[in-house]
Every structure is written in structure tokens, then in C-alpha cells.
């Protein structure tokens, strides 16, 4: 979505993720803004945001606030993410 707005369901399209390796996560903050992440973000419940180093996040779209924002973390389809043991 070149205009920075989320689609009708409110979720940005993976085709619009930043170029380069590792932009494999997408999540929405409580205020409705969606961000792409190059490292897996951590939930900051009290702040209403997903957190990652600022170099590893980029605004994806402006959306409507979502009371279930903490359940919006998505992984790029087909992406193999190694899990910590």
C-alpha cells in the first residue's frame, strides 16, 4: 500500500514491506499505527506499543486503534524464524 494506509481489513500488505533482509515481523500499536520490524519486537503492554530498536522498525501504515492490538504480531508468510531453545 504505497499510500501508507492499511487495507480494508486494517492490515498492511507484505508486498509493501521494506526492501532488504530480515523485515519479517509486522505489528500494530494501541494507537492504530502499524510497523514493520527487522528484529522480533517485544510487547510493552503499559506503553501500548511493540518495542524494538528504532533502526529495526519502520512505519507501515496508519490504522484505527484496536483494543486487541497486543494480538496483532504477524510473521512474514513462508518465513522460517529460528526459535530460541
Protein backbone atom coordinates (compact mmCIF):
# COMPACT_ATOMS: atom_id res chain seq x y z
CA UNK A 1 0.00 0.00 0.00
CA UNK A 2 2.04 2.85 -1.29
CA UNK A 3 -0.09 5.49 0.44
CA UNK A 4 0.70 4.16 3.92
CA UNK A 5 -2.87 3.22 4.72
CA UNK A 6 -3.88 -0.27 5.80
CA UNK A 7 -6.19 -2.30 3.55
CA UNK A 8 -9.91 -2.82 4.23
CA UNK A 9 -9.12 -5.36 6.95
CA UNK A 10 -6.65 -2.94 8.50
CA UNK A 11 -3.52 -5.00 7.83
CA UNK A 12 -0.69 -3.72 5.60
CA UNK A 13 0.27 -5.88 2.61
CA UNK A 14 3.56 -7.80 2.85
CA UNK A 15 4.34 -6.62 -0.69
CA UNK A 16 4.90 -3.17 0.87
CA UNK A 17 7.43 -4.33 3.48
CA UNK A 18 10.81 -2.59 3.35
CA UNK A 19 13.40 -3.99 0.97
CA UNK A 20 16.36 -5.82 2.37
CA UNK A 21 16.75 -8.86 4.53
CA UNK A 22 15.03 -9.55 7.80
CA UNK A 23 11.88 -7.38 7.75
CA UNK A 24 9.86 -10.39 8.86
CA UNK A 25 7.50 -9.03 11.52
CA UNK A 26 4.50 -6.73 11.44
CA UNK A 27 2.51 -5.47 14.42
CA UNK A 28 0.03 -2.75 15.36
CA UNK A 29 0.39 -0.45 18.36
CA UNK A 30 -2.62 0.52 20.50
CA UNK A 31 -2.93 3.88 18.69
CA UNK A 32 -3.53 2.09 15.38
CA UNK A 33 -0.12 2.59 13.77
CA UNK A 34 1.39 -0.48 12.10
CA UNK A 35 5.15 -1.08 12.00
CA UNK A 36 7.48 -3.43 10.12
CA UNK A 37 10.23 -4.96 12.25
CA UNK A 38 13.65 -6.37 11.32
CA UNK A 39 14.01 -8.00 14.74
CA UNK A 40 11.19 -9.64 16.66
CA UNK A 41 9.50 -6.93 18.74
CA UNK A 42 8.60 -7.30 22.40
CA UNK A 43 5.23 -6.40 23.84
CA UNK A 44 5.20 -3.31 26.05
CA UNK A 45 1.70 -3.57 27.45
CA UNK A 46 1.86 -0.48 29.70
CA UNK A 47 3.09 1.70 26.83
CA UNK A 48 0.63 0.33 24.27
CA UNK A 49 3.44 -0.46 21.84
CA UNK A 50 5.57 -3.20 20.39
CA UNK A 51 9.24 -2.40 21.09
CA UNK A 52 12.36 -2.89 19.03
CA UNK A 53 15.49 -0.86 18.40
CA UNK A 54 14.43 2.16 16.31
CA UNK A 55 16.79 1.12 13.48
CA UNK A 56 14.84 -2.13 13.29
CA UNK A 57 11.36 -0.70 12.88
CA UNK A 58 9.64 1.31 10.18
CA UNK A 59 6.13 2.75 9.97
CA UNK A 60 3.96 0.56 7.76
CA UNK A 61 0.56 2.28 7.88
CA UNK A 62 -1.86 4.37 9.89
CA UNK A 63 -4.87 2.40 11.08
CA UNK A 64 -7.69 2.68 13.57
CA UNK A 65 -6.95 1.96 17.23
CA UNK A 66 -7.55 -1.71 18.07
CA UNK A 67 -8.41 -2.91 21.58
CA UNK A 68 -6.76 -6.23 20.67
CA UNK A 69 -3.54 -4.61 19.44
CA UNK A 70 -1.48 -6.96 21.61
CA UNK A 71 -2.60 -9.89 19.42
CA UNK A 72 -1.55 -8.32 16.10
CA UNK A 73 2.04 -9.57 15.81
CA UNK A 74 2.47 -11.35 12.48
CA UNK A 75 5.37 -13.17 10.85
CA UNK A 76 6.01 -12.89 7.11
CA UNK A 77 4.29 -15.82 5.35
CA UNK A 78 6.75 -18.54 4.42
CA UNK A 79 9.46 -17.13 6.66
CA UNK A 80 11.44 -19.56 8.79
CA UNK A 81 12.11 -17.87 12.13
CA UNK A 82 14.54 -19.74 14.38
CA UNK A 83 13.12 -20.21 17.86
CA UNK A 84 15.23 -19.80 20.98
CA UNK A 85 15.69 -23.04 22.88
